[in-house]
Structures are given as structure tokens and as C-alpha cells.
Amino acid sequence: MYYRILIFVIYLFSFPVHAQGKTILILGDSLSASYGIPVEDGWVSLLEQRLVRQNMKYKVVNASISGETTLGVKTRLDKLLNEYSSEIVVIELGGNDGLRGFPLSEIEQNLSDIVNTIKKNGVTVLLVPMQLPPNYGAAYNQRFMSIYKSVSEKQNINMSTFILNDIAQHSELMQADGLHPTKEAQAMMLDNLWPSLELLIIK
């Protein structure tokens, strides 16, 4: 009997570790941290649910923090990559940098450094471009948005659609502060990212 049990235990642990699923790590700010709404209603939670429904063997780790900046993530990135062994990292950052008037060259350098560090760990990156409110001016906003295209092209990484595309301009989909989307907008946010993310998942 002892030997039968031993053989059964060996059999159980003979399956490869990857059978447990792969990991998608989300590095974001309040847009990904479900600011002002229940966490379970946020787009990251909806992503987890979609992966389950489509039988995609990925789990999602949300390391997003409200108020986060590119420098903040850059500072804690090594710890995050060591703590969470990931196959895909989604970078949704830069909005707070822009709102606080950080130099555009600094934002671009931080994003580049973040991407470089992730790629050196053999991990695939999806960059989410950001935009600033219209009151920052069209010229400045255009320069701000060009940062993401530049990083994407120089680093040869995938870039998604703006996460608030067709959302930010509709007041009924935004919270009272005009910066954060409502619960009803979260599925739309996921849909904005999904085509680019799905390509990486099934790659």
C-alpha cells in the first residue's frame, strides 16, 4: 500500500509547472486600480473573467496603484518582476506624469527604461498610450502622445488603443472628477485593449 501511495504522489508532481497557467502583470495607475468603483467591477477583473470564459490559461496580477508615475514603477520594477514571474506585462502609465507637468523627455526615458528592464527578463510588453485632458492644449497633448509611439517603435513592442478611447469625451461615462471612468465604462476599456492583448496571448 505504501508503494502505491508513493507512486501516486510522484505521478501528481510529474506534471510540468506551466500547466498551472501563465501570468499577465498589469502595471498601471488609478485607471487600472479601479479608482472610485469596486475592484471587482474594474477592467482588470473583467479581463480575468474573459480569460476564464475563453479558457485561456492565464492569471492576472494587478500591481496598479492610484497616483502611480513612471518613476514610481521604475523604482519598484525589479522587485515586481522577481515577485511575479510573468509572460506578459501591460504598461498603463504616464497619465499622472503628464498631469503633474513632468518633463516629456523624462517620461519617455522612464518608459523606455521600464520596457528595457522587462524585455531583459524575457517578458513580452504591451504599451498602453495615454492622453491628457483637452485643457492642456492640443499642441502639448500631441507631443505627450507622441512619446508612446516613439517608445513603441524604438523598442519594437506592441501598442494598444488609448484605454479611454470613445469614453473620455462622454461625461456620462466619467466620474464627477472628469478623469476617472465609471463602472459602466470598464467593459469598454477592456475592449479597447483586448485586440492588442489577445494577439500576445495567442502568439
N, C-alpha and C. Protein backbone atom coordinates (compact mmCIF):
# COMPACT_ATOMS: atom_id res chain seq x y z
N MET A 1 0.83 -1.21 0.00
CA MET A 1 0.00 0.00 0.00
C MET A 1 0.86 1.26 0.00
N TYR A 2 1.94 1.23 0.81
CA TYR A 2 2.84 2.37 0.89
C TYR A 2 3.40 2.73 -0.48
N TYR A 3 3.81 1.72 -1.22
CA TYR A 3 4.41 1.97 -2.52
C TYR A 3 3.40 2.52 -3.52
N ARG A 4 2.15 2.08 -3.41
CA ARG A 4 1.12 2.60 -4.31
C ARG A 4 0.89 4.09 -4.06
N ILE A 5 0.88 4.46 -2.78
CA ILE A 5 0.70 5.87 -2.43
C ILE A 5 1.88 6.69 -2.94
N LEU A 6 3.09 6.14 -2.76
CA LEU A 6 4.29 6.85 -3.21
C LEU A 6 4.26 7.08 -4.72
N ILE A 7 3.88 6.07 -5.46
CA ILE A 7 3.81 6.17 -6.92
C ILE A 7 2.77 7.22 -7.32
N PHE A 8 1.64 7.26 -6.61
CA PHE A 8 0.58 8.23 -6.92
C PHE A 8 1.07 9.66 -6.69
N VAL A 9 1.80 9.88 -5.58
CA VAL A 9 2.33 11.21 -5.26
C VAL A 9 3.32 11.65 -6.33
N ILE A 10 4.20 10.74 -6.74
CA ILE A 10 5.17 11.06 -7.79
C ILE A 10 4.45 11.41 -9.09
N TYR A 11 3.38 10.70 -9.38
CA TYR A 11 2.59 10.96 -10.59
C TYR A 11 1.99 12.35 -10.57
N LEU A 12 1.47 12.77 -9.39
CA LEU A 12 0.84 14.07 -9.27
C LEU A 12 1.83 15.19 -9.54
N PHE A 13 3.04 15.03 -9.03
CA PHE A 13 4.04 16.09 -9.15
C PHE A 13 4.86 16.00 -10.42
N SER A 14 4.49 15.06 -11.28
CA SER A 14 5.23 14.91 -12.52
C SER A 14 4.75 15.85 -13.62
N PHE A 15 3.60 16.54 -13.39
CA PHE A 15 3.09 17.48 -14.39
C PHE A 15 3.95 18.72 -14.42
N PRO A 16 4.18 19.30 -15.60
CA PRO A 16 5.01 20.50 -15.69
C PRO A 16 4.34 21.69 -15.01
N VAL A 17 5.18 22.63 -14.51
CA VAL A 17 4.67 23.78 -13.78
C VAL A 17 3.76 24.65 -14.65
N HIS A 18 4.06 24.74 -15.96
CA HIS A 18 3.27 25.62 -16.82
C HIS A 18 1.81 25.20 -16.93
N ALA A 19 1.49 23.99 -16.48
CA ALA A 19 0.10 23.55 -16.52
C ALA A 19 -0.77 24.41 -15.60
N GLN A 20 -0.13 25.09 -14.62
CA GLN A 20 -0.87 25.92 -13.69
C GLN A 20 -1.29 27.25 -14.32
N GLY A 21 -0.79 27.54 -15.49
CA GLY A 21 -1.17 28.77 -16.17
C GLY A 21 -0.06 29.79 -16.18
N LYS A 22 -0.17 30.75 -17.09
CA LYS A 22 0.80 31.83 -17.20
C LYS A 22 0.24 33.09 -16.56
N THR A 23 1.09 34.11 -16.47
CA THR A 23 0.71 35.32 -15.74
C THR A 23 0.79 36.57 -16.61
N ILE A 24 -0.23 37.43 -16.48
CA ILE A 24 -0.23 38.76 -17.07
C ILE A 24 -0.13 39.75 -15.92
N LEU A 25 0.91 40.57 -15.94
CA LEU A 25 1.13 41.57 -14.89
C LEU A 25 0.70 42.94 -15.39
N ILE A 26 -0.15 43.61 -14.63
CA ILE A 26 -0.64 44.94 -15.00
C ILE A 26 0.09 45.99 -14.16
N LEU A 27 0.81 46.87 -14.84
CA LEU A 27 1.49 47.99 -14.17
C LEU A 27 0.78 49.27 -14.57
N GLY A 28 -0.07 49.77 -13.71
CA GLY A 28 -0.87 50.92 -14.06
C GLY A 28 -1.09 51.88 -12.91
N ASP A 29 -1.93 52.87 -13.19
CA ASP A 29 -2.29 53.87 -12.18
C ASP A 29 -3.76 53.69 -11.80
N SER A 30 -4.42 54.78 -11.46
CA SER A 30 -5.81 54.69 -10.98
C SER A 30 -6.77 54.13 -12.02
N LEU A 31 -6.46 54.29 -13.31
CA LEU A 31 -7.34 53.75 -14.35
C LEU A 31 -7.40 52.23 -14.29
N SER A 32 -6.33 51.61 -13.83
CA SER A 32 -6.28 50.15 -13.72
C SER A 32 -6.49 49.68 -12.29
N ALA A 33 -6.48 50.62 -11.34
CA ALA A 33 -6.65 50.27 -9.93
C ALA A 33 -8.10 50.44 -9.47
N SER A 34 -9.01 50.61 -10.43
CA SER A 34 -10.45 50.71 -10.14
C SER A 34 -10.79 51.88 -9.21
N TYR A 35 -10.20 53.02 -9.46
CA TYR A 35 -10.46 54.20 -8.62
C TYR A 35 -11.95 54.56 -8.64
N GLY A 36 -12.51 54.70 -7.45
CA GLY A 36 -13.89 55.17 -7.31
C GLY A 36 -14.97 54.13 -7.57
N ILE A 37 -14.57 52.90 -7.88
CA ILE A 37 -15.54 51.83 -8.13
C ILE A 37 -15.05 50.55 -7.44
N PRO A 38 -15.93 49.58 -7.22
CA PRO A 38 -15.49 48.31 -6.62
C PRO A 38 -14.44 47.62 -7.51
N VAL A 39 -13.43 47.04 -6.88
CA VAL A 39 -12.35 46.39 -7.62
C VAL A 39 -12.88 45.32 -8.57
N GLU A 40 -13.90 44.60 -8.11
CA GLU A 40 -14.43 43.51 -8.94
C GLU A 40 -15.13 44.00 -10.20
N ASP A 41 -15.40 45.30 -10.28
CA ASP A 41 -16.04 45.87 -11.47
C ASP A 41 -15.04 46.51 -12.43
N GLY A 42 -13.78 46.57 -12.05
CA GLY A 42 -12.77 47.21 -12.87
C GLY A 42 -12.40 46.39 -14.09
N TRP A 43 -11.76 47.03 -15.06
CA TRP A 43 -11.44 46.35 -16.32
C TRP A 43 -10.48 45.19 -16.11
N VAL A 44 -9.61 45.28 -15.11
CA VAL A 44 -8.67 44.18 -14.86
C VAL A 44 -9.43 42.93 -14.38
N SER A 45 -10.40 43.12 -13.52
CA SER A 45 -11.22 41.99 -13.07
C SER A 45 -12.03 41.42 -14.23
N LEU A 46 -12.52 42.30 -15.09
CA LEU A 46 -13.26 41.85 -16.27
C LEU A 46 -12.34 41.06 -17.21
N LEU A 47 -11.08 41.44 -17.26
CA LEU A 47 -10.11 40.71 -18.07
C LEU A 47 -9.94 39.29 -17.52
N GLU A 48 -9.83 39.16 -16.22
CA GLU A 48 -9.72 37.83 -15.60
C GLU A 48 -10.91 36.96 -15.97
N GLN A 49 -12.10 37.56 -15.91
CA GLN A 49 -13.32 36.82 -16.22
C GLN A 49 -13.34 36.39 -17.69
N ARG A 50 -12.89 37.27 -18.57
CA ARG A 50 -12.86 36.95 -20.01
C ARG A 50 -11.89 35.80 -20.29
N LEU A 51 -10.75 35.82 -19.66
CA LEU A 51 -9.76 34.76 -19.85
C LEU A 51 -10.33 33.41 -19.42
N VAL A 52 -11.07 33.40 -18.33
CA VAL A 52 -11.69 32.16 -17.85
C VAL A 52 -12.73 31.68 -18.84
N ARG A 53 -13.58 32.61 -19.30
CA ARG A 53 -14.64 32.24 -20.24
C ARG A 53 -14.07 31.66 -21.53
N GLN A 54 -12.95 32.20 -21.97
CA GLN A 54 -12.36 31.75 -23.23
C GLN A 54 -11.33 30.64 -23.02
N ASN A 55 -11.29 30.14 -21.80
CA ASN A 55 -10.41 29.01 -21.48
C ASN A 55 -8.96 29.31 -21.82
N MET A 56 -8.55 30.54 -21.58
CA MET A 56 -7.15 30.92 -21.77
C MET A 56 -6.43 30.78 -20.44
N LYS A 57 -5.40 29.98 -20.40
CA LYS A 57 -4.75 29.61 -19.15
C LYS A 57 -3.80 30.69 -18.65
N TYR A 58 -4.37 31.83 -18.33
CA TYR A 58 -3.60 32.94 -17.79
C TYR A 58 -4.26 33.44 -16.50
N LYS A 59 -3.44 33.80 -15.54
CA LYS A 59 -3.94 34.52 -14.38
C LYS A 59 -3.46 35.96 -14.48
N VAL A 60 -4.13 36.86 -13.79
CA VAL A 60 -3.81 38.29 -13.88
C VAL A 60 -3.39 38.80 -12.50
N VAL A 61 -2.26 39.48 -12.46
CA VAL A 61 -1.78 40.12 -11.24
C VAL A 61 -1.84 41.63 -11.46
N ASN A 62 -2.62 42.31 -10.64
CA ASN A 62 -2.78 43.75 -10.79
C ASN A 62 -1.90 44.49 -9.78
N ALA A 63 -0.81 45.05 -10.26
CA ALA A 63 0.12 45.80 -9.39
C ALA A 63 -0.08 47.30 -9.55
N SER A 64 -1.25 47.70 -10.01
CA SER A 64 -1.55 49.12 -10.25
C SER A 64 -1.82 49.85 -8.94
N ILE A 65 -1.41 51.11 -8.89
CA ILE A 65 -1.60 51.96 -7.71
C ILE A 65 -2.12 53.32 -8.16
N SER A 66 -3.16 53.79 -7.51
CA SER A 66 -3.68 55.12 -7.83
C SER A 66 -2.60 56.17 -7.57
N GLY A 67 -2.44 57.08 -8.52
CA GLY A 67 -1.43 58.12 -8.39
C GLY A 67 -0.05 57.71 -8.85
N GLU A 68 0.08 56.48 -9.34
CA GLU A 68 1.39 55.97 -9.76
C GLU A 68 1.96 56.75 -10.93
N THR A 69 3.29 56.85 -10.95
CA THR A 69 4.01 57.53 -12.03
C THR A 69 4.98 56.56 -12.68
N THR A 70 5.56 56.97 -13.79
CA THR A 70 6.56 56.12 -14.45
C THR A 70 7.77 55.93 -13.55
N LEU A 71 8.17 56.98 -12.83
CA LEU A 71 9.32 56.86 -11.93
C LEU A 71 9.01 55.90 -10.79
N GLY A 72 7.77 55.93 -10.29
CA GLY A 72 7.39 55.03 -9.21
C GLY A 72 7.52 53.57 -9.61
N VAL A 73 7.03 53.24 -10.80
CA VAL A 73 7.13 51.86 -11.28
C VAL A 73 8.57 51.50 -11.58
N LYS A 74 9.29 52.42 -12.16
CA LYS A 74 10.71 52.19 -12.47
C LYS A 74 11.48 51.82 -11.20
N THR A 75 11.14 52.48 -10.10
CA THR A 75 11.83 52.25 -8.83
C THR A 75 11.53 50.87 -8.26
N ARG A 76 10.29 50.39 -8.42
CA ARG A 76 9.92 49.11 -7.81
C ARG A 76 9.83 47.96 -8.81
N LEU A 77 10.29 48.19 -10.02
CA LEU A 77 10.10 47.20 -11.08
C LEU A 77 10.85 45.90 -10.83
N ASP A 78 12.11 45.97 -10.43
CA ASP A 78 12.88 44.75 -10.20
C ASP A 78 12.20 43.84 -9.17
N LYS A 79 11.69 44.45 -8.12
CA LYS A 79 11.01 43.68 -7.08
C LYS A 79 9.75 43.02 -7.64
N LEU A 80 9.00 43.75 -8.46
CA LEU A 80 7.78 43.20 -9.04
C LEU A 80 8.08 42.03 -9.97
N LEU A 81 9.10 42.18 -10.80
CA LEU A 81 9.45 41.12 -11.75
C LEU A 81 9.97 39.88 -11.03
N ASN A 82 10.64 40.09 -9.92
CA ASN A 82 11.13 38.95 -9.14
C ASN A 82 9.98 38.26 -8.40
N GLU A 83 9.03 39.06 -7.95
CA GLU A 83 7.91 38.51 -7.18
C GLU A 83 6.90 37.79 -8.07
N TYR A 84 6.68 38.33 -9.27
CA TYR A 84 5.69 37.75 -10.18
C TYR A 84 6.35 37.35 -11.49
N SER A 85 6.50 36.06 -11.66
CA SER A 85 7.07 35.54 -12.91
C SER A 85 5.99 35.63 -13.98
N SER A 86 6.19 36.55 -14.94
CA SER A 86 5.14 36.85 -15.90
C SER A 86 5.57 36.58 -17.33
N GLU A 87 4.58 36.31 -18.17
CA GLU A 87 4.81 36.15 -19.60
C GLU A 87 4.50 37.43 -20.36
N ILE A 88 3.54 38.21 -19.83
CA ILE A 88 3.12 39.46 -20.46
C ILE A 88 3.01 40.54 -19.39
N VAL A 89 3.52 41.73 -19.69
CA VAL A 89 3.35 42.88 -18.80
C VAL A 89 2.64 43.98 -19.58
N VAL A 90 1.55 44.48 -19.02
CA VAL A 90 0.80 45.60 -19.61
C VAL A 90 1.20 46.87 -18.86
N ILE A 91 1.71 47.86 -19.61
CA ILE A 91 2.14 49.12 -19.01
C ILE A 91 1.11 50.20 -19.31
N GLU A 92 0.39 50.64 -18.29
CA GLU A 92 -0.61 51.71 -18.42
C GLU A 92 -0.17 52.83 -17.48
N LEU A 93 0.75 53.66 -17.97
CA LEU A 93 1.37 54.68 -17.13
C LEU A 93 1.61 55.96 -17.91
N GLY A 94 1.89 57.02 -17.17
CA GLY A 94 2.26 58.28 -17.78
C GLY A 94 1.23 59.38 -17.61
N GLY A 95 -0.02 58.99 -17.36
CA GLY A 95 -1.07 59.99 -17.20
C GLY A 95 -0.79 60.94 -16.05
N ASN A 96 -0.39 60.40 -14.91
CA ASN A 96 -0.10 61.25 -13.75
C ASN A 96 1.14 62.11 -13.98
N ASP A 97 2.11 61.56 -14.71
CA ASP A 97 3.30 62.34 -15.04
C ASP A 97 2.90 63.58 -15.84
N GLY A 98 2.05 63.38 -16.85
CA GLY A 98 1.61 64.48 -17.69
C GLY A 98 0.78 65.50 -16.93
N LEU A 99 -0.13 65.00 -16.08
CA LEU A 99 -0.98 65.90 -15.30
C LEU A 99 -0.17 66.76 -14.34
N ARG A 100 0.96 66.22 -13.88
CA ARG A 100 1.80 66.96 -12.93
C ARG A 100 2.87 67.79 -13.62
N GLY A 101 2.86 67.75 -14.95
CA GLY A 101 3.78 68.59 -15.70
C GLY A 101 5.22 68.12 -15.71
N PHE A 102 5.44 66.82 -15.54
CA PHE A 102 6.80 66.30 -15.62
C PHE A 102 7.36 66.52 -17.03
N PRO A 103 8.66 66.73 -17.16
CA PRO A 103 9.25 66.92 -18.50
C PRO A 103 8.96 65.73 -19.41
N LEU A 104 8.59 66.01 -20.64
CA LEU A 104 8.25 64.93 -21.57
C LEU A 104 9.44 64.01 -21.81
N SER A 105 10.64 64.57 -21.85
CA SER A 105 11.83 63.75 -22.06
C SER A 105 12.04 62.77 -20.91
N GLU A 106 11.69 63.20 -19.71
CA GLU A 106 11.82 62.34 -18.53
C GLU A 106 10.80 61.20 -18.58
N ILE A 107 9.59 61.52 -18.99
CA ILE A 107 8.55 60.49 -19.09
C ILE A 107 8.95 59.44 -20.11
N GLU A 108 9.43 59.90 -21.26
CA GLU A 108 9.83 58.96 -22.30
C GLU A 108 11.00 58.09 -21.85
N GLN A 109 11.96 58.70 -21.16
CA GLN A 109 13.12 57.92 -20.69
C GLN A 109 12.70 56.88 -19.67
N ASN A 110 11.81 57.26 -18.76
CA ASN A 110 11.33 56.30 -17.75
C ASN A 110 10.60 55.13 -18.40
N LEU A 111 9.73 55.43 -19.37
CA LEU A 111 9.01 54.36 -20.06
C LEU A 111 9.98 53.45 -20.80
N SER A 112 10.98 54.04 -21.43
CA SER A 112 11.98 53.25 -22.15
C SER A 112 12.75 52.34 -21.20
N ASP A 113 13.13 52.89 -20.05
CA ASP A 113 13.86 52.10 -19.05
C ASP A 113 13.01 50.95 -18.52
N ILE A 114 11.72 51.22 -18.30
CA ILE A 114 10.80 50.18 -17.82
C ILE A 114 10.71 49.06 -18.84
N VAL A 115 10.50 49.43 -20.11
CA VAL A 115 10.38 48.44 -21.17
C VAL A 115 11.68 47.63 -21.30
N ASN A 116 12.82 48.31 -21.25
CA ASN A 116 14.10 47.64 -21.36
C ASN A 116 14.29 46.59 -20.28
N THR A 117 13.96 46.96 -19.06
CA THR A 117 14.11 46.04 -17.94
C THR A 117 13.22 44.82 -18.10
N ILE A 118 11.99 45.05 -18.54
CA ILE A 118 11.06 43.94 -18.74
C ILE A 118 11.54 43.01 -19.84
N LYS A 119 11.99 43.59 -20.95
CA LYS A 119 12.45 42.79 -22.08
C LYS A 119 13.70 41.98 -21.72
N LYS A 120 14.56 42.54 -20.89
CA LYS A 120 15.77 41.82 -20.47
C LYS A 120 15.42 40.57 -19.67
N ASN A 121 14.23 40.58 -19.09
CA ASN A 121 13.76 39.42 -18.33
C ASN A 121 13.01 38.44 -19.23
N GLY A 122 13.03 38.69 -20.55
CA GLY A 122 12.39 37.78 -21.49
C GLY A 122 10.88 37.83 -21.48
N VAL A 123 10.33 38.96 -21.09
CA VAL A 123 8.88 39.11 -20.95
C VAL A 123 8.33 40.01 -22.06
N THR A 124 7.17 39.65 -22.59
CA THR A 124 6.52 40.43 -23.64
C THR A 124 5.81 41.65 -23.05
N VAL A 125 5.85 42.76 -23.78
CA VAL A 125 5.29 44.02 -23.28
C VAL A 125 4.17 44.53 -24.17
N LEU A 126 3.10 45.03 -23.53
CA LEU A 126 2.06 45.77 -24.23
C LEU A 126 2.03 47.16 -23.64
N LEU A 127 2.27 48.16 -24.47
CA LEU A 127 2.26 49.56 -24.01
C LEU A 127 0.90 50.19 -24.30
N VAL A 128 0.33 50.79 -23.28
CA VAL A 128 -0.97 51.46 -23.40
C VAL A 128 -0.74 52.97 -23.49
N PRO A 129 -1.04 53.60 -24.62
CA PRO A 129 -0.81 55.04 -24.76
C PRO A 129 -1.82 55.84 -23.94
N MET A 130 -1.37 57.00 -23.47
CA MET A 130 -2.24 57.86 -22.67
C MET A 130 -2.46 59.19 -23.37
N GLN A 131 -3.50 59.88 -22.95
CA GLN A 131 -3.79 61.23 -23.43
C GLN A 131 -4.12 62.11 -22.23
N LEU A 132 -3.96 63.42 -22.39
CA LEU A 132 -4.27 64.36 -21.33
C LEU A 132 -5.59 65.07 -21.65
N PRO A 133 -6.24 65.66 -20.66
CA PRO A 133 -7.50 66.39 -20.90
C PRO A 133 -7.29 67.51 -21.91
N PRO A 134 -8.34 67.89 -22.62
CA PRO A 134 -8.24 68.93 -23.67
C PRO A 134 -7.71 70.26 -23.17
N ASN A 135 -7.92 70.59 -21.89
CA ASN A 135 -7.49 71.89 -21.37
C ASN A 135 -5.96 72.03 -21.31
N TYR A 136 -5.24 70.95 -21.57
CA TYR A 136 -3.78 71.02 -21.61
C TYR A 136 -3.30 71.53 -22.96
N GLY A 137 -4.22 71.66 -23.90
CA GLY A 137 -3.88 72.21 -25.20
C GLY A 137 -3.54 71.12 -26.20
N ALA A 138 -3.97 71.33 -27.44
CA ALA A 138 -3.79 70.34 -28.50
C ALA A 138 -2.31 70.08 -28.80
N ALA A 139 -1.52 71.16 -28.85
CA ALA A 139 -0.10 71.01 -29.20
C ALA A 139 0.65 70.20 -28.16
N TYR A 140 0.43 70.53 -26.88
CA TYR A 140 1.12 69.80 -25.81
C TYR A 140 0.66 68.35 -25.76
N ASN A 141 -0.64 68.14 -25.92
CA ASN A 141 -1.19 66.78 -25.88
C ASN A 141 -0.62 65.93 -27.01
N GLN A 142 -0.45 66.56 -28.17
CA GLN A 142 0.11 65.82 -29.30
C GLN A 142 1.54 65.40 -29.02
N ARG A 143 2.31 66.29 -28.42
CA ARG A 143 3.69 65.96 -28.06
C ARG A 143 3.72 64.88 -27.00
N PHE A 144 2.79 64.96 -26.06
CA PHE A 144 2.71 63.95 -24.99
C PHE A 144 2.39 62.58 -25.58
N MET A 145 1.40 62.52 -26.47
CA MET A 145 1.00 61.24 -27.05
C MET A 145 2.09 60.64 -27.93
N SER A 146 2.91 61.51 -28.53
CA SER A 146 3.97 61.02 -29.42
C SER A 146 5.02 60.22 -28.66
N ILE A 147 5.08 60.42 -27.35
CA ILE A 147 6.03 59.67 -26.52
C ILE A 147 5.80 58.18 -26.70
N TYR A 148 4.56 57.77 -26.68
CA TYR A 148 4.22 56.35 -26.70
C TYR A 148 4.56 55.71 -28.05
N LYS A 149 4.28 56.45 -29.10
CA LYS A 149 4.63 55.95 -30.43
C LYS A 149 6.13 55.80 -30.56
N SER A 150 6.86 56.78 -30.02
CA SER A 150 8.31 56.73 -30.09
C SER A 150 8.87 55.53 -29.33
N VAL A 151 8.39 55.31 -28.12
CA VAL A 151 8.86 54.18 -27.31
C VAL A 151 8.50 52.86 -27.97
N SER A 152 7.28 52.79 -28.49
CA SER A 152 6.82 51.57 -29.15
C SER A 152 7.69 51.22 -30.35
N GLU A 153 8.00 52.21 -31.17
CA GLU A 153 8.79 51.97 -32.39
C GLU A 153 10.25 51.66 -32.06
N LYS A 154 10.84 52.43 -31.15
CA LYS A 154 12.25 52.22 -30.82
C LYS A 154 12.48 50.89 -30.10
N GLN A 155 11.51 50.49 -29.29
CA GLN A 155 11.65 49.26 -28.51
C GLN A 155 11.04 48.05 -29.22
N ASN A 156 10.38 48.31 -30.35
CA ASN A 156 9.75 47.23 -31.13
C ASN A 156 8.77 46.42 -30.28
N ILE A 157 7.85 47.12 -29.63
CA ILE A 157 6.83 46.47 -28.80
C ILE A 157 5.44 46.86 -29.30
N ASN A 158 4.45 46.07 -28.93
CA ASN A 158 3.07 46.34 -29.33
C ASN A 158 2.49 47.49 -28.52
N MET A 159 1.65 48.28 -29.17
CA MET A 159 0.96 49.37 -28.50
C MET A 159 -0.54 49.24 -28.76
N SER A 160 -1.33 49.41 -27.74
CA SER A 160 -2.78 49.27 -27.86
C SER A 160 -3.43 50.59 -28.25
N THR A 161 -4.73 50.57 -28.33
CA THR A 161 -5.53 51.79 -28.47
C THR A 161 -5.56 52.50 -27.12
N PHE A 162 -5.75 53.80 -27.11
CA PHE A 162 -5.92 54.56 -25.88
C PHE A 162 -7.03 53.93 -25.06
N ILE A 163 -6.77 53.67 -23.79
CA ILE A 163 -7.70 52.92 -22.95
C ILE A 163 -9.05 53.63 -22.77
N LEU A 164 -9.05 54.97 -22.88
CA LEU A 164 -10.30 55.73 -22.74
C LEU A 164 -10.84 56.21 -24.08
N ASN A 165 -10.44 55.53 -25.13
CA ASN A 165 -10.94 55.87 -26.46
C ASN A 165 -12.46 55.75 -26.52
N ASP A 166 -13.13 56.80 -27.00
CA ASP A 166 -14.59 56.85 -27.10
C ASP A 166 -15.26 56.75 -25.72
N ILE A 167 -14.52 57.11 -24.68
CA ILE A 167 -15.06 57.11 -23.32
C ILE A 167 -14.90 58.49 -22.69
N ALA A 168 -13.67 59.00 -22.73
CA ALA A 168 -13.34 60.26 -22.03
C ALA A 168 -14.19 61.43 -22.48
N GLN A 169 -14.62 61.41 -23.74
CA GLN A 169 -15.39 62.56 -24.25
C GLN A 169 -16.88 62.46 -23.91
N HIS A 170 -17.29 61.40 -23.26
CA HIS A 170 -18.69 61.22 -22.88
C HIS A 170 -18.83 61.36 -21.37
N SER A 171 -19.38 62.46 -20.92
CA SER A 171 -19.45 62.77 -19.49
C SER A 171 -20.20 61.71 -18.69
N GLU A 172 -21.17 61.05 -19.33
CA GLU A 172 -21.94 60.04 -18.60
C GLU A 172 -21.12 58.79 -18.31
N LEU A 173 -19.98 58.65 -18.97
CA LEU A 173 -19.10 57.50 -18.74
C LEU A 173 -17.93 57.84 -17.82
N MET A 174 -17.91 59.10 -17.35
CA MET A 174 -16.82 59.55 -16.49
C MET A 174 -17.36 59.94 -15.11
N GLN A 175 -16.53 59.74 -14.10
CA GLN A 175 -16.91 60.15 -12.76
C GLN A 175 -16.91 61.67 -12.65
N ALA A 176 -17.35 62.18 -11.52
CA ALA A 176 -17.52 63.62 -11.36
C ALA A 176 -16.23 64.41 -11.56
N ASP A 177 -15.08 63.78 -11.30
CA ASP A 177 -13.82 64.50 -11.45
C ASP A 177 -13.41 64.67 -12.91
N GLY A 178 -14.10 63.99 -13.81
CA GLY A 178 -13.80 64.11 -15.23
C GLY A 178 -12.55 63.39 -15.68
N LEU A 179 -11.90 62.68 -14.76
CA LEU A 179 -10.65 62.00 -15.08
C LEU A 179 -10.76 60.47 -15.02
N HIS A 180 -11.69 60.00 -14.21
CA HIS A 180 -11.79 58.56 -14.00
C HIS A 180 -13.11 58.00 -14.54
N PRO A 181 -13.04 56.89 -15.25
CA PRO A 181 -14.24 56.29 -15.83
C PRO A 181 -15.14 55.64 -14.79
N THR A 182 -16.40 55.53 -15.15
CA THR A 182 -17.38 54.90 -14.27
C THR A 182 -17.33 53.38 -14.40
N LYS A 183 -18.11 52.74 -13.57
CA LYS A 183 -18.25 51.28 -13.63
C LYS A 183 -18.73 50.85 -15.02
N GLU A 184 -19.66 51.62 -15.59
CA GLU A 184 -20.24 51.26 -16.88
C GLU A 184 -19.22 51.33 -18.03
N ALA A 185 -18.14 52.07 -17.82
CA ALA A 185 -17.14 52.23 -18.88
C ALA A 185 -16.06 51.15 -18.88
N GLN A 186 -16.03 50.33 -17.83
CA GLN A 186 -14.92 49.38 -17.67
C GLN A 186 -14.86 48.32 -18.77
N ALA A 187 -16.00 47.84 -19.19
CA ALA A 187 -16.03 46.84 -20.27
C ALA A 187 -15.52 47.45 -21.57
N MET A 188 -15.81 48.73 -21.79
CA MET A 188 -15.33 49.42 -22.98
C MET A 188 -13.81 49.58 -22.93
N MET A 189 -13.29 49.85 -21.73
CA MET A 189 -11.84 49.97 -21.56
C MET A 189 -11.16 48.66 -21.93
N LEU A 190 -11.71 47.57 -21.44
CA LEU A 190 -11.15 46.26 -21.76
C LEU A 190 -11.21 46.00 -23.26
N ASP A 191 -12.33 46.36 -23.87
CA ASP A 191 -12.47 46.16 -25.32
C ASP A 191 -11.45 46.99 -26.11
N ASN A 192 -11.07 48.14 -25.57
CA ASN A 192 -10.05 48.96 -26.24
C ASN A 192 -8.68 48.28 -26.23
N LEU A 193 -8.40 47.55 -25.17
CA LEU A 193 -7.09 46.89 -25.05
C LEU A 193 -7.08 45.48 -25.62
N TRP A 194 -8.21 44.83 -25.62
CA TRP A 194 -8.27 43.40 -25.91
C TRP A 194 -7.65 42.98 -27.24
N PRO A 195 -7.93 43.64 -28.36
CA PRO A 195 -7.37 43.17 -29.63
C PRO A 195 -5.84 43.06 -29.59
N SER A 196 -5.18 44.06 -29.00
CA SER A 196 -3.72 44.02 -28.92
C SER A 196 -3.24 42.98 -27.91
N LEU A 197 -3.94 42.85 -26.81
CA LEU A 197 -3.54 41.89 -25.77
C LEU A 197 -3.77 40.46 -26.24
N GLU A 198 -4.88 40.24 -26.92
CA GLU A 198 -5.19 38.89 -27.42
C GLU A 198 -4.11 38.38 -28.37
N LEU A 199 -3.57 39.26 -29.19
CA LEU A 199 -2.52 38.87 -30.10
C LEU A 199 -1.30 38.32 -29.36
N LEU A 200 -1.00 38.90 -28.22
CA LEU A 200 0.14 38.46 -27.43
C LEU A 200 -0.16 37.16 -26.70
N ILE A 201 -1.40 36.99 -26.30
CA ILE A 201 -1.80 35.77 -25.58
C ILE A 201 -1.73 34.55 -26.47
N ILE A 202 -2.18 34.71 -27.72
CA ILE A 202 -2.24 33.55 -28.61
C ILE A 202 -0.99 33.43 -29.49
N LYS A 203 -0.02 34.31 -29.27
CA LYS A 203 1.20 34.33 -30.07
C LYS A 203 1.97 33.02 -29.95
